[in-house]
Amino acid sequence: MTQAPALTLPEEPEAPPAAAPLAAWAAVPAHAPAQGPHTSVELSFSADSAKLYSAWQAMANLAEMASQVFVTVKAQKAEVFGVLPLREADLIQ
């Protein structure tokens, strides 16, 4: 089974205006499709809270088109993430 080519975004895209949808970052195919239509889309981007908020509607639109999306989030910071702030943000129980 041939996997459809992934679409990737630049690691540090030039920020579009706050109201612009995710499509404002030009997605470029990693390589040309071997055959047939695209049956999967993979997006990767870094975002602060404002960019993530503006991109969320685009993710919802993709979920509507595909019926379901799989979301993985990775966050890093120099200090240790405290358990209490993560609970207060409803990120953990």
PDB file of N, CA and C in Angstrom:
ATOM      1  N   MET A   1       0.850  -1.180   0.000  1.00  0.00           N
ATOM      2  CA  MET A   1       0.000   0.000   0.000  1.00  0.00           C
ATOM      3  C   MET A   1       0.892   1.239   0.000  1.00  0.00           C
ATOM      4  N   THR A   2       0.728   2.098  -0.960  1.00  0.00           N
ATOM      5  CA  THR A   2       1.523   3.317  -1.062  1.00  0.00           C
ATOM      6  C   THR A   2       0.890   4.419  -0.235  1.00  0.00           C
ATOM      7  N   GLN A   3       1.710   5.045   0.602  1.00  0.00           N
ATOM      8  CA  GLN A   3       1.197   6.125   1.446  1.00  0.00           C
ATOM      9  C   GLN A   3       1.214   7.426   0.642  1.00  0.00           C
ATOM     10  N   ALA A   4       0.170   8.207   0.774  1.00  0.00           N
ATOM     11  CA  ALA A   4       0.082   9.493   0.082  1.00  0.00           C
ATOM     12  C   ALA A   4       1.171  10.416   0.614  1.00  0.00           C
ATOM     13  N   PRO A   5       1.704  11.288  -0.242  1.00  0.00           N
ATOM     14  CA  PRO A   5       2.741  12.208   0.226  1.00  0.00           C
ATOM     15  C   PRO A   5       2.221  13.149   1.296  1.00  0.00           C
ATOM     16  N   ALA A   6       3.083  13.446   2.217  1.00  0.00           N
ATOM     17  CA  ALA A   6       2.715  14.344   3.312  1.00  0.00           C
ATOM     18  C   ALA A   6       2.886  15.787   2.876  1.00  0.00           C
ATOM     19  N   LEU A   7       2.059  16.647   3.398  1.00  0.00           N
ATOM     20  CA  LEU A   7       2.210  18.075   3.192  1.00  0.00           C
ATOM     21  C   LEU A   7       2.877  18.635   4.430  1.00  0.00           C
ATOM     22  N   THR A   8       3.880  19.446   4.245  1.00  0.00           N
ATOM     23  CA  THR A   8       4.576  20.007   5.393  1.00  0.00           C
ATOM     24  C   THR A   8       4.609  21.517   5.268  1.00  0.00           C
ATOM     25  N   LEU A   9       4.726  22.165   6.392  1.00  0.00           N
ATOM     26  CA  LEU A   9       4.834  23.615   6.443  1.00  0.00           C
ATOM     27  C   LEU A   9       6.231  23.973   6.902  1.00  0.00           C
ATOM     28  N   PRO A  10       6.724  25.140   6.558  1.00  0.00           N
ATOM     29  CA  PRO A  10       8.047  25.546   7.024  1.00  0.00           C
ATOM     30  C   PRO A  10       8.100  25.546   8.549  1.00  0.00           C
ATOM     31  N   GLU A  11       9.270  25.226   9.100  1.00  0.00           N
ATOM     32  CA  GLU A  11       9.439  25.159  10.551  1.00  0.00           C
ATOM     33  C   GLU A  11       9.093  26.481  11.211  1.00  0.00           C
ATOM     34  N   GLU A  12       9.552  27.580  10.675  1.00  0.00           N
ATOM     35  CA  GLU A  12       9.256  28.901  11.228  1.00  0.00           C
ATOM     36  C   GLU A  12       8.597  29.744  10.126  1.00  0.00           C
ATOM     37  N   PRO A  13       7.297  29.556   9.869  1.00  0.00           N
ATOM     38  CA  PRO A  13       6.641  30.314   8.801  1.00  0.00           C
ATOM     39  C   PRO A  13       6.552  31.788   9.151  1.00  0.00           C
ATOM     40  N   GLU A  14       6.550  32.596   8.114  1.00  0.00           N
ATOM     41  CA  GLU A  14       6.314  34.018   8.327  1.00  0.00           C
ATOM     42  C   GLU A  14       4.875  34.160   8.781  1.00  0.00           C
ATOM     43  N   ALA A  15       4.674  34.841   9.866  1.00  0.00           N
ATOM     44  CA  ALA A  15       3.343  34.914  10.470  1.00  0.00           C
ATOM     45  C   ALA A  15       2.369  35.674   9.576  1.00  0.00           C
ATOM     46  N   PRO A  16       1.214  35.057   9.268  1.00  0.00           N
ATOM     47  CA  PRO A  16       0.177  35.771   8.528  1.00  0.00           C
ATOM     48  C   PRO A  16      -0.575  36.686   9.491  1.00  0.00           C
ATOM     49  N   PRO A  17      -1.416  37.559   8.991  1.00  0.00           N
ATOM     50  CA  PRO A  17      -2.235  38.385   9.887  1.00  0.00           C
ATOM     51  C   PRO A  17      -3.042  37.498  10.827  1.00  0.00           C
ATOM     52  N   ALA A  18      -3.352  37.990  11.997  1.00  0.00           N
ATOM     53  CA  ALA A  18      -4.019  37.195  13.035  1.00  0.00           C
ATOM     54  C   ALA A  18      -5.303  36.537  12.548  1.00  0.00           C
ATOM     55  N   ALA A  19      -6.052  37.180  11.685  1.00  0.00           N
ATOM     56  CA  ALA A  19      -7.329  36.629  11.240  1.00  0.00           C
ATOM     57  C   ALA A  19      -7.174  35.669  10.062  1.00  0.00           C
ATOM     58  N   ALA A  20      -5.975  35.525   9.518  1.00  0.00           N
ATOM     59  CA  ALA A  20      -5.771  34.673   8.350  1.00  0.00           C
ATOM     60  C   ALA A  20      -5.862  33.205   8.738  1.00  0.00           C
ATOM     61  N   PRO A  21      -6.454  32.367   7.895  1.00  0.00           N
ATOM     62  CA  PRO A  21      -6.536  30.945   8.188  1.00  0.00           C
ATOM     63  C   PRO A  21      -5.180  30.275   8.000  1.00  0.00           C
ATOM     64  N   LEU A  22      -5.090  29.019   8.418  1.00  0.00           N
ATOM     65  CA  LEU A  22      -3.855  28.255   8.288  1.00  0.00           C
ATOM     66  C   LEU A  22      -3.380  28.220   6.845  1.00  0.00           C
ATOM     67  N   ALA A  23      -4.288  28.282   5.889  1.00  0.00           N
ATOM     68  CA  ALA A  23      -3.916  28.232   4.484  1.00  0.00           C
ATOM     69  C   ALA A  23      -3.000  29.378   4.088  1.00  0.00           C
ATOM     70  N   ALA A  24      -2.912  30.404   4.905  1.00  0.00           N
ATOM     71  CA  ALA A  24      -2.015  31.512   4.597  1.00  0.00           C
ATOM     72  C   ALA A  24      -0.559  31.059   4.614  1.00  0.00           C
ATOM     73  N   TRP A  25      -0.263  29.985   5.367  1.00  0.00           N
ATOM     74  CA  TRP A  25       1.064  29.380   5.286  1.00  0.00           C
ATOM     75  C   TRP A  25       1.013  28.425   4.113  1.00  0.00           C
ATOM     76  N   ALA A  26       1.834  28.631   3.122  1.00  0.00           N
ATOM     77  CA  ALA A  26       1.778  27.814   1.911  1.00  0.00           C
ATOM     78  C   ALA A  26       2.260  26.396   2.198  1.00  0.00           C
ATOM     79  N   ALA A  27       1.365  25.427   2.096  1.00  0.00           N
ATOM     80  CA  ALA A  27       1.733  24.024   2.264  1.00  0.00           C
ATOM     81  C   ALA A  27       2.344  23.528   0.961  1.00  0.00           C
ATOM     82  N   VAL A  28       3.456  22.884   1.060  1.00  0.00           N
ATOM     83  CA  VAL A  28       4.163  22.404  -0.128  1.00  0.00           C
ATOM     84  C   VAL A  28       4.299  20.895  -0.041  1.00  0.00           C
ATOM     85  N   PRO A  29       3.891  20.147  -1.087  1.00  0.00           N
ATOM     86  CA  PRO A  29       4.033  18.690  -1.050  1.00  0.00           C
ATOM     87  C   PRO A  29       5.502  18.300  -0.887  1.00  0.00           C
ATOM     88  N   ALA A  30       5.762  17.291  -0.061  1.00  0.00           N
ATOM     89  CA  ALA A  30       7.125  16.824   0.151  1.00  0.00           C
ATOM     90  C   ALA A  30       7.680  16.206  -1.129  1.00  0.00           C
ATOM     91  N   HIS A  31       6.834  15.554  -1.898  1.00  0.00           N
ATOM     92  CA  HIS A  31       7.208  14.990  -3.188  1.00  0.00           C
ATOM     93  C   HIS A  31       5.939  14.741  -3.991  1.00  0.00           C
ATOM     94  N   ALA A  32       6.095  14.541  -5.271  1.00  0.00           N
ATOM     95  CA  ALA A  32       4.939  14.351  -6.144  1.00  0.00           C
ATOM     96  C   ALA A  32       4.287  13.000  -5.861  1.00  0.00           C
ATOM     97  N   PRO A  33       2.964  12.901  -6.004  1.00  0.00           N
ATOM     98  CA  PRO A  33       2.295  11.628  -5.759  1.00  0.00           C
ATOM     99  C   PRO A  33       2.714  10.577  -6.782  1.00  0.00           C
ATOM    100  N   ALA A  34       2.832   9.332  -6.320  1.00  0.00           N
ATOM    101  CA  ALA A  34       3.187   8.244  -7.216  1.00  0.00           C
ATOM    102  C   ALA A  34       2.043   8.003  -8.202  1.00  0.00           C
ATOM    103  N   GLN A  35       0.841   7.863  -7.691  1.00  0.00           N
ATOM    104  CA  GLN A  35      -0.345   7.672  -8.519  1.00  0.00           C
ATOM    105  C   GLN A  35      -1.568   8.025  -7.703  1.00  0.00           C
ATOM    106  N   GLY A  36      -2.624   8.393  -8.384  1.00  0.00           N
ATOM    107  CA  GLY A  36      -3.913   8.579  -7.746  1.00  0.00           C
ATOM    108  C   GLY A  36      -4.024   9.830  -6.901  1.00  0.00           C
ATOM    109  N   PRO A  37      -5.198  10.018  -6.322  1.00  0.00           N
ATOM    110  CA  PRO A  37      -5.482  11.206  -5.517  1.00  0.00           C
ATOM    111  C   PRO A  37      -4.881  11.100  -4.117  1.00  0.00           C
ATOM    112  N   HIS A  38      -4.772  12.238  -3.461  1.00  0.00           N
ATOM    113  CA  HIS A  38      -4.309  12.269  -2.071  1.00  0.00           C
ATOM    114  C   HIS A  38      -5.419  11.739  -1.178  1.00  0.00           C
ATOM    115  N   THR A  39      -5.081  10.800  -0.319  1.00  0.00           N
ATOM    116  CA  THR A  39      -6.072  10.277   0.617  1.00  0.00           C
ATOM    117  C   THR A  39      -5.722  10.606   2.057  1.00  0.00           C
ATOM    118  N   SER A  40      -4.570  11.266   2.259  1.00  0.00           N
ATOM    119  CA  SER A  40      -4.236  11.715   3.601  1.00  0.00           C
ATOM    120  C   SER A  40      -3.469  13.027   3.512  1.00  0.00           C
ATOM    121  N   VAL A  41      -3.570  13.802   4.559  1.00  0.00           N
ATOM    122  CA  VAL A  41      -2.887  15.088   4.648  1.00  0.00           C
ATOM    123  C   VAL A  41      -2.206  15.130   6.005  1.00  0.00           C
ATOM    124  N   GLU A  42      -0.951  15.548   6.021  1.00  0.00           N
ATOM    125  CA  GLU A  42      -0.225  15.695   7.276  1.00  0.00           C
ATOM    126  C   GLU A  42       0.344  17.100   7.339  1.00  0.00           C
ATOM    127  N   LEU A  43       0.041  17.809   8.408  1.00  0.00           N
ATOM    128  CA  LEU A  43       0.516  19.179   8.594  1.00  0.00           C
ATOM    129  C   LEU A  43       1.398  19.230   9.831  1.00  0.00           C
ATOM    130  N   SER A  44       2.429  20.032   9.746  1.00  0.00           N
ATOM    131  CA  SER A  44       3.319  20.216  10.885  1.00  0.00           C
ATOM    132  C   SER A  44       3.714  21.683  10.923  1.00  0.00           C
ATOM    133  N   PHE A  45       3.553  22.318  12.072  1.00  0.00           N
ATOM    134  CA  PHE A  45       3.909  23.723  12.196  1.00  0.00           C
ATOM    135  C   PHE A  45       4.155  24.057  13.652  1.00  0.00           C
ATOM    136  N   SER A  46       4.936  25.092  13.878  1.00  0.00           N
ATOM    137  CA  SER A  46       5.113  25.574  15.242  1.00  0.00           C
ATOM    138  C   SER A  46       4.231  26.800  15.403  1.00  0.00           C
ATOM    139  N   ALA A  47       3.727  26.995  16.609  1.00  0.00           N
ATOM    140  CA  ALA A  47       2.807  28.102  16.825  1.00  0.00           C
ATOM    141  C   ALA A  47       2.820  28.536  18.280  1.00  0.00           C
ATOM    142  N   ASP A  48       2.654  29.827  18.472  1.00  0.00           N
ATOM    143  CA  ASP A  48       2.391  30.321  19.820  1.00  0.00           C
ATOM    144  C   ASP A  48       0.877  30.251  20.017  1.00  0.00           C
ATOM    145  N   SER A  49       0.379  30.701  21.155  1.00  0.00           N
ATOM    146  CA  SER A  49      -1.050  30.553  21.421  1.00  0.00           C
ATOM    147  C   SER A  49      -1.918  31.311  20.417  1.00  0.00           C
ATOM    148  N   ALA A  50      -1.489  32.471  19.967  1.00  0.00           N
ATOM    149  CA  ALA A  50      -2.282  33.244  19.000  1.00  0.00           C
ATOM    150  C   ALA A  50      -2.349  32.527  17.650  1.00  0.00           C
ATOM    151  N   LYS A  51      -1.239  32.008  17.172  1.00  0.00           N
ATOM    152  CA  LYS A  51      -1.227  31.294  15.891  1.00  0.00           C
ATOM    153  C   LYS A  51      -2.028  30.000  15.990  1.00  0.00           C
ATOM    154  N   LEU A  52      -1.912  29.320  17.132  1.00  0.00           N
ATOM    155  CA  LEU A  52      -2.671  28.091  17.311  1.00  0.00           C
ATOM    156  C   LEU A  52      -4.167  28.375  17.304  1.00  0.00           C
ATOM    157  N   TYR A  53      -4.565  29.436  17.958  1.00  0.00           N
ATOM    158  CA  TYR A  53      -5.980  29.813  17.988  1.00  0.00           C
ATOM    159  C   TYR A  53      -6.493  30.089  16.575  1.00  0.00           C
ATOM    160  N   SER A  54      -5.700  30.800  15.765  1.00  0.00           N
ATOM    161  CA  SER A  54      -6.157  31.110  14.406  1.00  0.00           C
ATOM    162  C   SER A  54      -6.122  29.872  13.502  1.00  0.00           C
ATOM    163  N   ALA A  55      -5.258  28.911  13.803  1.00  0.00           N
ATOM    164  CA  ALA A  55      -5.175  27.695  12.987  1.00  0.00           C
ATOM    165  C   ALA A  55      -6.256  26.680  13.359  1.00  0.00           C
ATOM    166  N   TRP A  56      -6.832  26.809  14.547  1.00  0.00           N
ATOM    167  CA  TRP A  56      -7.785  25.806  15.024  1.00  0.00           C
ATOM    168  C   TRP A  56      -8.996  25.666  14.105  1.00  0.00           C
ATOM    169  N   GLN A  57      -9.494  26.754  13.540  1.00  0.00           N
ATOM    170  CA  GLN A  57     -10.641  26.665  12.622  1.00  0.00           C
ATOM    171  C   GLN A  57     -10.271  25.871  11.381  1.00  0.00           C
ATOM    172  N   ALA A  58      -9.052  26.042  10.891  1.00  0.00           N
ATOM    173  CA  ALA A  58      -8.611  25.259   9.736  1.00  0.00           C
ATOM    174  C   ALA A  58      -8.562  23.770  10.083  1.00  0.00           C
ATOM    175  N   MET A  59      -8.136  23.445  11.288  1.00  0.00           N
ATOM    176  CA  MET A  59      -8.113  22.044  11.734  1.00  0.00           C
ATOM    177  C   MET A  59      -9.542  21.490  11.813  1.00  0.00           C
ATOM    178  N   ALA A  60     -10.468  22.306  12.297  1.00  0.00           N
ATOM    179  CA  ALA A  60     -11.873  21.888  12.362  1.00  0.00           C
ATOM    180  C   ALA A  60     -12.423  21.656  10.957  1.00  0.00           C
ATOM    181  N   ASN A  61     -12.055  22.507  10.011  1.00  0.00           N
ATOM    182  CA  ASN A  61     -12.497  22.320   8.623  1.00  0.00           C
ATOM    183  C   ASN A  61     -11.954  21.017   8.051  1.00  0.00           C
ATOM    184  N   LEU A  62     -10.684  20.705   8.349  1.00  0.00           N
ATOM    185  CA  LEU A  62     -10.084  19.457   7.885  1.00  0.00           C
ATOM    186  C   LEU A  62     -10.794  18.260   8.515  1.00  0.00           C
ATOM    187  N   ALA A  63     -11.120  18.350   9.794  1.00  0.00           N
ATOM    188  CA  ALA A  63     -11.846  17.276  10.472  1.00  0.00           C
ATOM    189  C   ALA A  63     -13.219  17.062   9.839  1.00  0.00           C
ATOM    190  N   GLU A  64     -13.851  18.145   9.439  1.00  0.00           N
ATOM    191  CA  GLU A  64     -15.154  18.031   8.774  1.00  0.00           C
ATOM    192  C   GLU A  64     -15.016  17.324   7.430  1.00  0.00           C
ATOM    193  N   MET A  65     -13.965  17.654   6.672  1.00  0.00           N
ATOM    194  CA  MET A  65     -13.743  17.008   5.373  1.00  0.00           C
ATOM    195  C   MET A  65     -13.416  15.528   5.523  1.00  0.00           C
ATOM    196  N   ALA A  66     -12.608  15.194   6.531  1.00  0.00           N
ATOM    197  CA  ALA A  66     -12.125  13.824   6.694  1.00  0.00           C
ATOM    198  C   ALA A  66     -12.970  12.999   7.660  1.00  0.00           C
ATOM    199  N   SER A  67     -13.896  13.610   8.363  1.00  0.00           N
ATOM    200  CA  SER A  67     -14.715  12.986   9.409  1.00  0.00           C
ATOM    201  C   SER A  67     -13.963  12.829  10.722  1.00  0.00           C
ATOM    202  N   GLN A  68     -12.625  12.844  10.674  1.00  0.00           N
ATOM    203  CA  GLN A  68     -11.833  12.693  11.886  1.00  0.00           C
ATOM    204  C   GLN A  68     -10.392  13.107  11.596  1.00  0.00           C
ATOM    205  N   VAL A  69      -9.743  13.708  12.570  1.00  0.00           N
ATOM    206  CA  VAL A  69      -8.310  14.000  12.475  1.00  0.00           C
ATOM    207  C   VAL A  69      -7.641  13.455  13.738  1.00  0.00           C
ATOM    208  N   PHE A  70      -6.364  13.201  13.661  1.00  0.00           N
ATOM    209  CA  PHE A  70      -5.573  12.753  14.793  1.00  0.00           C
ATOM    210  C   PHE A  70      -4.627  13.883  15.151  1.00  0.00           C
ATOM    211  N   VAL A  71      -4.675  14.331  16.390  1.00  0.00           N
ATOM    212  CA  VAL A  71      -3.899  15.495  16.821  1.00  0.00           C
ATOM    213  C   VAL A  71      -2.834  15.054  17.819  1.00  0.00           C
ATOM    214  N   THR A  72      -1.600  15.451  17.562  1.00  0.00           N
ATOM    215  CA  THR A  72      -0.497  15.239  18.492  1.00  0.00           C
ATOM    216  C   THR A  72       0.099  16.601  18.780  1.00  0.00           C
ATOM    217  N   VAL A  73       0.281  16.908  20.049  1.00  0.00           N
ATOM    218  CA  VAL A  73       0.833  18.200  20.443  1.00  0.00           C
ATOM    219  C   VAL A  73       2.096  17.960  21.248  1.00  0.00           C
ATOM    220  N   LYS A  74       3.133  18.709  20.943  1.00  0.00           N
ATOM    221  CA  LYS A  74       4.388  18.630  21.691  1.00  0.00           C
ATOM    222  C   LYS A  74       4.736  20.038  22.144  1.00  0.00           C
ATOM    223  N   ALA A  75       4.933  20.211  23.437  1.00  0.00           N
ATOM    224  CA  ALA A  75       5.310  21.514  23.983  1.00  0.00           C
ATOM    225  C   ALA A  75       6.602  21.348  24.772  1.00  0.00           C
ATOM    226  N   GLN A  76       7.480  22.319  24.655  1.00  0.00           N
ATOM    227  CA  GLN A  76       8.751  22.279  25.375  1.00  0.00           C
ATOM    228  C   GLN A  76       9.009  23.629  26.015  1.00  0.00           C
ATOM    229  N   LYS A  77       9.671  23.596  27.159  1.00  0.00           N
ATOM    230  CA  LYS A  77      10.136  24.820  27.787  1.00  0.00           C
ATOM    231  C   LYS A  77      11.362  24.471  28.619  1.00  0.00           C
ATOM    232  N   ALA A  78      12.130  25.473  28.990  1.00  0.00           N
ATOM    233  CA  ALA A  78      13.370  25.245  29.723  1.00  0.00           C
ATOM    234  C   ALA A  78      13.104  24.689  31.118  1.00  0.00           C
ATOM    235  N   GLU A  79      12.058  25.184  31.773  1.00  0.00           N
ATOM    236  CA  GLU A  79      11.737  24.747  33.127  1.00  0.00           C
ATOM    237  C   GLU A  79      10.840  23.510  33.092  1.00  0.00           C
ATOM    238  N   VAL A  80      10.738  22.857  34.225  1.00  0.00           N
ATOM    239  CA  VAL A  80       9.868  21.691  34.364  1.00  0.00           C
ATOM    240  C   VAL A  80       8.411  22.153  34.363  1.00  0.00           C
ATOM    241  N   PHE A  81       7.543  21.374  33.692  1.00  0.00           N
ATOM    242  CA  PHE A  81       6.107  21.655  33.744  1.00  0.00           C
ATOM    243  C   PHE A  81       5.608  21.203  35.113  1.00  0.00           C
ATOM    244  N   GLY A  82       4.993  22.099  35.851  1.00  0.00           N
ATOM    245  CA  GLY A  82       4.429  21.747  37.148  1.00  0.00           C
ATOM    246  C   GLY A  82       3.113  21.022  36.981  1.00  0.00           C
ATOM    247  N   VAL A  83       2.822  20.075  37.866  1.00  0.00           N
ATOM    248  CA  VAL A  83       1.594  19.282  37.789  1.00  0.00           C
ATOM    249  C   VAL A  83       0.360  20.149  38.021  1.00  0.00           C
ATOM    250  N   LEU A  84       0.400  21.021  39.015  1.00  0.00           N
ATOM    251  CA  LEU A  84      -0.766  21.845  39.341  1.00  0.00           C
ATOM    252  C   LEU A  84      -1.204  22.743  38.177  1.00  0.00           C
ATOM    253  N   PRO A  85      -0.299  23.490  37.526  1.00  0.00           N
ATOM    254  CA  PRO A  85      -0.740  24.282  36.381  1.00  0.00           C
ATOM    255  C   PRO A  85      -1.327  23.445  35.245  1.00  0.00           C
ATOM    256  N   LEU A  86      -0.791  22.245  35.030  1.00  0.00           N
ATOM    257  CA  LEU A  86      -1.337  21.362  33.992  1.00  0.00           C
ATOM    258  C   LEU A  86      -2.744  20.911  34.365  1.00  0.00           C
ATOM    259  N   ARG A  87      -2.974  20.637  35.642  1.00  0.00           N
ATOM    260  CA  ARG A  87      -4.330  20.260  36.092  1.00  0.00           C
ATOM    261  C   ARG A  87      -5.293  21.433  35.955  1.00  0.00           C
ATOM    262  N   GLU A  88      -4.840  22.609  36.366  1.00  0.00           N
ATOM    263  CA  GLU A  88      -5.699  23.793  36.296  1.00  0.00           C
ATOM    264  C   GLU A  88      -6.073  24.141  34.856  1.00  0.00           C
ATOM    265  N   ALA A  89      -5.216  23.788  33.912  1.00  0.00           N
ATOM    266  CA  ALA A  89      -5.500  24.029  32.497  1.00  0.00           C
ATOM    267  C   ALA A  89      -6.289  22.872  31.882  1.00  0.00           C
ATOM    268  N   ASP A  90      -6.724  21.928  32.701  1.00  0.00           N
ATOM    269  CA  ASP A  90      -7.474  20.738  32.257  1.00  0.00           C
ATOM    270  C   ASP A  90      -6.696  19.914  31.239  1.00  0.00           C
ATOM    271  N   LEU A  91      -5.381  19.887  31.358  1.00  0.00           N
ATOM    272  CA  LEU A  91      -4.546  19.087  30.474  1.00  0.00           C
ATOM    273  C   LEU A  91      -4.300  17.694  31.034  1.00  0.00           C
ATOM    274  N   ILE A  92      -4.377  17.563  32.359  1.00  0.00           N
ATOM    275  CA  ILE A  92      -4.256  16.272  33.021  1.00  0.00           C
ATOM    276  C   ILE A  92      -5.291  16.200  34.136  1.00  0.00           C
ATOM    277  N   GLN A  93      -5.526  15.011  34.646  1.00  0.00           N
ATOM    278  CA  GLN A  93      -6.477  14.847  35.755  1.00  0.00           C
ATOM    279  C   GLN A  93      -5.729  14.696  37.055  1.00  0.00           C
TER     280      GLN A  93
END
